[in-house]
Amino acid sequence: MKIADHHLQGLPHAIEAREKLGEALFRYMLGQPKDLPVGADDANAAALQQYRLVPRVMRGCQSLNISSQPFKRHWSAPLAVGAFAGDRVFHPQGLLPIARVCQRLQLPLFISEETVTPLADICAEHDDCWLQLRAAGPVDRILDLMGNAADCGAQGIILTVLAPVHPVNGLQPGGFSIGDELLRRGWKTIGSTAAGVHPLPAFPAWSWQELATVIQHATAKGLSVMVKGVLHPEDAMLATQSGAQALMVSNIGLRQSARWVTPVESMAHIVPAFTGLLAIDGGIRSGADVLVARSLGAELAVIVRPIIAALAAGGEQAVESLLCGLINEITALCSWCGVSDICELNADYVAIMGASHEQ
């Protein structure tokens, strides 16, 4: 069944990407889970679009700063390109075109352990890469991968704690197994020792103690650590206690189930529970989405699916055009909101659609 065009809103290169990838791989890119009701839209994007920005006027702002300096790095905007598996399935050069664009634009790049392009090659193109690992399986495996990441020049590690592996068959995003596809092509990934994706047991699962151990080793190697997939405030507090310097509020793009709470719905509870940098992942489609996320407390917005579509459709040029357009939109909207620094945005700058805005 072909995906209806209305599901492609917010993905400007989607039509071209679908033509190049074919329907099966395109469905995987969209990541629609098996329990998504027929005709339903992406809940993450919809949750963001419920918010309206509240501009301020006559503020006398003479300049505008949308950059930040977390972890002694310079990010030109509160925007990161998120991790995705099987990069060379979408473009012959894999992540390298994206890495070159992120280097020019000074944006962080997150890299899945299920990436085909060698990590050393990606880090040679970009000096602000973070390796995303599945928080499952033997801890020694994770420690070895972190050591390799440090040797390659990666800046940080992202540990996926929500649904790091598929516990049962048949629930892959879009009904497509990227691991089987990589195995069919004979492609090895960063986290595997043979073709395909390295198999990991779903059970027994990690505890917070394993996570704390891994974070301690990463910190000793000079790597910052972000924990991905936290949606409950108690888990956010435990992540802080485990030593995480950053937290990605994420339901993994609703790729496992359409019934997870959205990051936007969780933000109000997560913000007071975590002391480090907060990132939000899922449904980011525009500069307005980034401003909404920042107003709700997220210092970084992670964008994935529009980037994959751009890469598949038009390669490096399309990716750069998309990201430059987002940065320009963020700049313009911040100016219209009357702030001199994007960090001034807070809950006063957003309103829920349909609700009255109190003065």
Protein backbone atom coordinates (compact mmCIF):
# COMPACT_ATOMS: atom_id res chain seq x y z
CA MET A 1 0.00 0.00 0.00
CA LYS A 2 1.36 3.40 -0.98
CA ILE A 3 1.65 6.00 1.77
CA ALA A 4 -0.79 8.88 1.31
CA ASP A 5 0.79 12.21 0.39
CA HIS A 6 -0.71 14.00 3.40
CA HIS A 7 1.60 11.93 5.63
CA LEU A 8 4.57 13.56 3.90
CA GLN A 9 3.91 17.10 5.10
CA GLY A 10 7.03 18.63 6.62
CA LEU A 11 9.28 16.42 4.48
CA PRO A 12 10.06 18.68 1.51
CA HIS A 13 12.10 16.03 -0.36
CA ALA A 14 9.79 13.12 0.40
CA ILE A 15 8.31 12.61 -3.06
CA GLU A 16 11.73 12.45 -4.72
CA ALA A 17 13.08 10.24 -1.93
CA ARG A 18 10.18 7.80 -2.35
CA GLU A 19 10.88 7.53 -6.08
CA LYS A 20 14.57 6.77 -5.47
CA LEU A 21 14.19 4.44 -2.49
CA GLY A 22 11.11 2.45 -3.40
CA GLU A 23 8.06 2.03 -1.19
CA ALA A 24 9.45 -0.57 1.24
CA LEU A 25 12.59 1.37 2.17
CA PHE A 26 10.64 4.63 2.17
CA ARG A 27 8.21 3.14 4.69
CA TYR A 28 11.17 2.22 6.88
CA MET A 29 12.45 5.80 6.66
CA LEU A 30 9.08 7.11 7.84
CA GLY A 31 9.16 4.48 10.59
CA GLN A 32 5.43 4.08 11.02
CA PRO A 33 4.81 1.39 13.67
CA LYS A 34 2.45 -1.54 13.28
CA ASP A 35 -0.08 -0.14 15.76
CA LEU A 36 -0.47 3.24 14.04
CA PRO A 37 -4.18 3.64 13.16
CA VAL A 38 -4.95 3.85 9.45
CA GLY A 39 -4.88 7.45 8.32
CA ALA A 40 -3.28 8.74 11.54
CA ASP A 41 -0.57 11.39 11.38
CA ASP A 42 2.76 11.38 13.20
CA ALA A 43 1.90 12.18 16.82
CA ASN A 44 5.26 13.80 17.57
CA ALA A 45 4.88 16.34 14.77
CA ALA A 46 1.23 16.92 15.66
CA ALA A 47 2.11 17.58 19.31
CA LEU A 48 4.58 20.29 18.30
CA GLN A 49 2.14 21.85 15.87
CA GLN A 50 -0.42 22.33 18.65
CA TYR A 51 1.75 25.18 19.92
CA ARG A 52 1.68 28.71 18.58
CA LEU A 53 4.48 31.21 19.08
CA VAL A 54 3.71 34.44 20.93
CA PRO A 55 5.78 37.29 19.45
CA ARG A 56 6.90 40.31 21.45
CA VAL A 57 7.37 43.78 19.93
CA MET A 58 9.24 47.03 20.53
CA ARG A 59 11.94 45.34 22.61
CA GLY A 60 14.80 47.44 21.22
CA CYS A 61 16.98 44.41 20.41
CA GLN A 62 20.08 45.42 18.43
CA SER A 63 21.54 41.93 17.87
CA LEU A 64 20.56 38.29 17.96
CA ASN A 65 22.41 35.17 19.11
CA ILE A 66 21.06 31.69 18.38
CA SER A 67 24.32 29.84 19.12
CA SER A 68 25.44 27.98 22.25
CA GLN A 69 28.65 26.55 23.72
CA PRO A 70 27.81 23.27 25.50
CA PHE A 71 30.59 20.84 26.43
CA LYS A 72 33.17 23.44 25.32
CA ARG A 73 31.87 23.17 21.75
CA HIS A 74 30.31 25.84 19.51
CA TRP A 75 26.91 25.06 18.06
CA SER A 76 25.66 27.69 15.62
CA ALA A 77 22.01 26.89 16.32
CA PRO A 78 20.01 24.71 18.76
CA LEU A 79 19.83 21.99 16.12
CA ALA A 80 21.44 18.57 15.71
CA VAL A 81 21.19 15.93 13.00
CA GLY A 82 20.01 12.72 14.63
CA ALA A 83 21.20 9.15 14.16
CA PHE A 84 19.73 6.67 11.71
CA ALA A 85 20.68 3.14 10.67
CA GLY A 86 21.97 1.85 7.34
CA ASP A 87 23.17 5.18 5.96
CA ARG A 88 24.54 3.79 2.69
CA VAL A 89 21.13 2.34 1.87
CA PHE A 90 19.96 5.94 1.45
CA HIS A 91 23.04 7.38 -0.32
CA PRO A 92 26.19 5.81 -1.81
CA GLN A 93 28.41 8.01 0.38
CA GLY A 94 26.39 7.31 3.49
CA LEU A 95 26.79 9.92 6.23
CA LEU A 96 29.76 11.70 4.66
CA PRO A 97 27.68 14.35 2.82
CA ILE A 98 25.79 15.14 6.04
CA ALA A 99 29.05 15.27 8.02
CA ARG A 100 30.53 17.80 5.60
CA VAL A 101 27.43 20.01 5.82
CA CYS A 102 27.34 19.83 9.64
CA GLN A 103 31.03 20.79 9.75
CA ARG A 104 30.43 23.86 7.57
CA LEU A 105 27.35 24.89 9.55
CA GLN A 106 28.81 24.01 12.98
CA LEU A 107 26.04 21.64 13.99
CA PRO A 108 26.52 18.41 15.99
CA LEU A 109 26.02 15.09 14.22
CA PHE A 110 24.72 11.97 15.96
CA ILE A 111 25.80 8.62 14.45
CA SER A 112 24.08 5.28 14.93
CA GLU A 113 26.16 2.20 15.72
CA GLU A 114 24.13 0.70 12.86
CA THR A 115 25.84 3.07 10.40
CA VAL A 116 27.74 1.45 7.53
CA THR A 117 30.27 4.24 6.96
CA PRO A 118 33.29 3.74 9.28
CA LEU A 119 33.29 6.10 12.25
CA ALA A 120 36.87 7.23 11.56
CA ASP A 121 35.85 8.37 8.06
CA ILE A 122 32.93 10.39 9.44
CA CYS A 123 35.01 11.98 12.20
CA ALA A 124 37.63 12.94 9.61
CA GLU A 125 34.96 15.07 7.93
CA HIS A 126 33.42 16.54 11.11
CA ASP A 127 34.91 17.35 14.50
CA ASP A 128 31.68 17.22 16.52
CA CYS A 129 30.32 13.68 16.18
CA TRP A 130 28.51 11.65 18.85
CA LEU A 131 28.22 7.86 18.59
CA GLN A 132 24.81 6.45 19.52
CA LEU A 133 24.92 3.01 21.14
CA ARG A 134 22.21 0.56 22.19
CA ALA A 135 22.18 0.20 25.98
CA ALA A 136 21.81 -3.57 25.89
CA GLY A 137 23.95 -6.68 25.78
CA PRO A 138 27.41 -7.13 27.33
CA VAL A 139 28.78 -3.99 28.94
CA ASP A 140 32.28 -4.89 27.70
CA ARG A 141 31.04 -4.53 24.13
CA ILE A 142 29.89 -0.98 24.83
CA LEU A 143 33.19 -0.13 26.51
CA ASP A 144 35.12 -1.35 23.47
CA LEU A 145 32.95 0.73 21.12
CA MET A 146 33.41 3.80 23.33
CA GLY A 147 37.16 3.31 23.25
CA ASN A 148 37.07 3.19 19.47
CA ALA A 149 34.89 6.31 19.41
CA ALA A 150 37.41 8.19 21.55
CA ASP A 151 40.27 7.04 19.30
CA CYS A 152 38.37 8.25 16.22
CA GLY A 153 37.86 11.70 17.74
CA ALA A 154 34.17 11.50 18.66
CA GLN A 155 33.02 14.12 21.16
CA GLY A 156 30.33 12.16 22.94
CA ILE A 157 28.28 9.00 23.39
CA ILE A 158 24.50 8.64 23.22
CA LEU A 159 23.02 5.65 25.03
CA THR A 160 19.59 4.52 23.83
CA VAL A 161 17.69 3.18 26.85
CA LEU A 162 14.14 3.01 25.42
CA ALA A 163 13.58 -0.08 23.24
CA PRO A 164 17.29 -0.50 22.38
CA VAL A 165 16.50 -3.79 20.60
CA HIS A 166 13.40 -5.47 19.17
CA PRO A 167 12.26 -8.10 21.69
CA VAL A 168 10.05 -9.87 19.13
CA ASN A 169 10.09 -10.18 15.35
CA GLY A 170 7.61 -8.43 13.09
CA LEU A 171 7.56 -5.03 14.81
CA GLN A 172 10.28 -3.33 12.79
CA PRO A 173 9.52 0.26 11.68
CA GLY A 174 7.44 0.26 8.54
CA GLY A 175 7.52 -3.54 8.54
CA PHE A 176 11.09 -3.45 7.18
CA SER A 177 14.21 -4.96 8.79
CA ILE A 178 17.23 -2.76 8.15
CA GLY A 179 19.41 -5.46 9.70
CA ASP A 180 18.23 -8.04 7.16
CA GLU A 181 18.79 -5.54 4.34
CA LEU A 182 22.36 -4.81 5.44
CA LEU A 183 23.02 -8.53 5.79
CA ARG A 184 21.67 -9.11 2.29
CA ARG A 185 24.08 -6.48 0.94
CA GLY A 186 26.96 -7.87 2.98
CA TRP A 187 27.58 -4.56 4.75
CA LYS A 188 29.18 -4.38 8.18
CA THR A 189 28.20 -1.60 10.61
CA ILE A 190 30.13 0.39 13.22
CA GLY A 191 28.79 -1.77 16.04
CA SER A 192 29.08 -5.17 14.33
CA THR A 193 31.90 -7.60 13.67
CA ALA A 194 30.16 -9.18 10.67
CA ALA A 195 27.66 -8.15 8.00
CA GLY A 196 24.41 -6.70 9.29
CA VAL A 197 23.52 -5.33 12.71
CA HIS A 198 25.15 -6.89 15.77
CA PRO A 199 22.50 -9.08 17.48
CA LEU A 200 21.77 -8.15 21.08
CA PRO A 201 19.48 -9.90 23.59
CA ALA A 202 16.46 -7.92 24.72
CA PHE A 203 16.50 -9.64 28.11
CA PRO A 204 17.96 -9.51 30.68
CA ALA A 205 17.92 -5.74 30.37
CA TRP A 206 20.36 -3.25 31.85
CA SER A 207 19.76 -1.57 35.18
CA TRP A 208 20.79 1.94 36.22
CA GLN A 209 23.97 0.41 37.68
CA GLU A 210 25.15 -0.78 34.27
CA LEU A 211 24.37 2.64 32.86
CA ALA A 212 26.34 4.38 35.62
CA THR A 213 29.32 2.09 34.97
CA VAL A 214 29.30 2.88 31.26
CA ILE A 215 28.99 6.63 31.91
CA GLN A 216 31.95 6.52 34.30
CA HIS A 217 34.12 4.85 31.66
CA ALA A 218 33.01 7.32 28.98
CA THR A 219 33.78 10.29 31.20
CA ALA A 220 37.23 8.85 31.95
CA LYS A 221 37.89 8.80 28.20
CA GLY A 222 36.83 12.44 27.84
CA LEU A 223 33.50 11.63 26.21
CA SER A 224 30.31 13.46 27.15
CA VAL A 225 27.27 11.21 27.61
CA MET A 226 23.67 11.77 26.55
CA VAL A 227 20.94 9.32 27.57
CA LYS A 228 18.23 8.90 24.94
CA GLY A 229 14.68 7.68 25.42
CA VAL A 230 13.65 9.09 28.80
CA LEU A 231 10.03 10.24 29.10
CA HIS A 232 9.32 9.96 32.85
CA PRO A 233 10.60 12.49 35.42
CA GLU A 234 11.77 9.82 37.87
CA ASP A 235 13.91 8.29 35.10
CA ALA A 236 15.30 11.76 34.39
CA MET A 237 16.37 12.10 38.03
CA LEU A 238 17.96 8.64 37.94
CA ALA A 239 19.82 9.62 34.76
CA THR A 240 21.23 12.62 36.63
CA GLN A 241 22.29 10.39 39.51
CA SER A 242 23.94 8.00 37.03
CA GLY A 243 26.15 10.81 35.78
CA ALA A 244 24.53 11.68 32.44
CA GLN A 245 25.47 15.18 31.30
CA ALA A 246 22.68 15.37 28.73
CA LEU A 247 19.26 13.84 28.21
CA MET A 248 17.36 13.31 24.97
CA VAL A 249 13.62 13.33 25.62
CA SER A 250 12.56 10.87 22.94
CA ASN A 251 10.12 8.10 22.11
CA ILE A 252 12.53 6.92 19.37
CA GLY A 253 10.39 8.51 16.69
CA LEU A 254 7.37 6.37 17.62
CA ARG A 255 9.05 3.64 15.56
CA GLN A 256 8.23 0.79 17.97
CA SER A 257 4.73 1.84 18.99
CA ALA A 258 2.37 4.70 18.23
CA ARG A 259 1.16 4.67 21.83
CA TRP A 260 4.22 6.17 23.56
CA VAL A 261 3.74 9.59 25.14
CA THR A 262 5.28 12.35 23.01
CA PRO A 263 8.39 14.27 24.09
CA VAL A 264 6.47 17.54 24.01
CA GLU A 265 3.92 16.16 26.48
CA SER A 266 6.74 15.05 28.80
CA MET A 267 8.82 18.23 28.78
CA ALA A 268 7.02 20.07 31.59
CA HIS A 269 7.75 17.17 33.96
CA ILE A 270 11.28 16.44 32.71
CA VAL A 271 12.66 20.01 32.89
CA PRO A 272 12.62 20.31 36.71
CA ALA A 273 13.89 16.74 37.12
CA PHE A 274 17.14 16.96 35.11
CA THR A 275 20.11 19.23 35.72
CA GLY A 276 22.06 18.81 32.46
CA LEU A 277 21.48 19.71 28.82
CA LEU A 278 18.06 18.73 27.49
CA ALA A 279 17.49 17.71 23.89
CA ILE A 280 14.16 16.86 22.27
CA ASP A 281 13.81 14.29 19.50
CA GLY A 282 10.79 13.52 17.36
CA GLY A 283 8.61 15.48 14.96
CA ILE A 284 10.99 18.40 14.30
CA ARG A 285 10.03 19.65 10.86
CA SER A 286 10.56 23.43 10.90
CA GLY A 287 12.30 26.34 12.56
CA ALA A 288 9.06 27.06 14.41
CA ASP A 289 9.24 23.56 15.93
CA VAL A 290 12.75 24.36 17.17
CA LEU A 291 11.54 27.56 18.84
CA VAL A 292 8.65 25.73 20.48
CA ALA A 293 11.07 23.10 21.79
CA ARG A 294 13.41 25.80 23.11
CA SER A 295 10.53 27.62 24.79
CA LEU A 296 9.54 24.39 26.53
CA GLY A 297 13.05 23.91 27.90
CA ALA A 298 14.95 21.93 25.27
CA GLU A 299 18.34 23.45 24.49
CA LEU A 300 18.73 21.25 21.43
CA ALA A 301 16.26 19.97 18.82
CA VAL A 302 17.15 16.80 16.93
CA ILE A 303 16.05 16.41 13.32
CA VAL A 304 16.19 13.10 11.45
CA ARG A 305 13.56 12.14 8.85
CA PRO A 306 13.66 15.37 6.80
CA ILE A 307 17.46 14.98 6.61
CA ILE A 308 17.24 11.37 5.40
CA ALA A 309 14.70 12.37 2.75
CA ALA A 310 16.93 15.24 1.59
CA LEU A 311 19.99 12.98 1.48
CA ALA A 312 18.19 10.34 -0.58
CA ALA A 313 16.62 12.88 -2.92
CA GLY A 314 19.43 15.35 -3.54
CA GLY A 315 22.55 14.42 -1.60
CA GLU A 316 24.82 16.98 0.03
CA GLN A 317 23.33 20.02 -1.71
CA ALA A 318 19.79 19.18 -0.62
CA VAL A 319 20.90 18.53 2.98
CA GLU A 320 22.71 21.86 3.14
CA SER A 321 19.78 23.73 1.62
CA LEU A 322 17.41 22.18 4.16
CA LEU A 323 19.58 22.95 7.19
CA CYS A 324 20.39 26.49 6.02
CA GLY A 325 16.70 27.11 5.54
CA LEU A 326 15.98 25.91 9.08
CA ILE A 327 18.70 28.13 10.56
CA ASN A 328 17.36 31.13 8.63
CA GLU A 329 13.84 30.40 9.87
CA ILE A 330 15.04 30.07 13.48
CA THR A 331 16.84 33.40 13.17
CA ALA A 332 13.86 35.19 11.67
CA LEU A 333 11.36 33.83 14.19
CA CYS A 334 13.63 34.68 17.12
CA SER A 335 13.87 38.22 15.81
CA TRP A 336 10.10 38.48 15.53
CA CYS A 337 9.78 37.10 19.07
CA GLY A 338 11.79 40.10 20.23
CA VAL A 339 14.67 38.29 21.94
CA SER A 340 18.36 39.13 21.68
CA ASP A 341 19.40 35.58 22.61
CA ILE A 342 17.52 32.36 21.91
CA CYS A 343 18.07 31.29 25.52
CA GLU A 344 15.59 34.02 26.55
CA LEU A 345 12.73 31.95 25.12
CA ASN A 346 10.50 30.37 27.76
CA ALA A 347 6.93 29.18 28.24
CA ASP A 348 5.65 32.77 27.89
CA TYR A 349 6.48 32.61 24.18
CA VAL A 350 4.17 29.71 23.36
CA ALA A 351 0.45 29.04 23.59
CA ILE A 352 -1.58 25.89 23.02
CA MET A 353 -3.75 26.09 19.92
CA GLY A 354 -7.33 26.78 20.93
CA ALA A 355 -6.43 28.04 24.40
CA SER A 356 -6.51 31.72 25.29
CA HIS A 357 -3.15 33.36 26.07
CA GLU A 358 -3.18 35.01 29.48
CA GLN A 359 -1.35 38.27 29.79
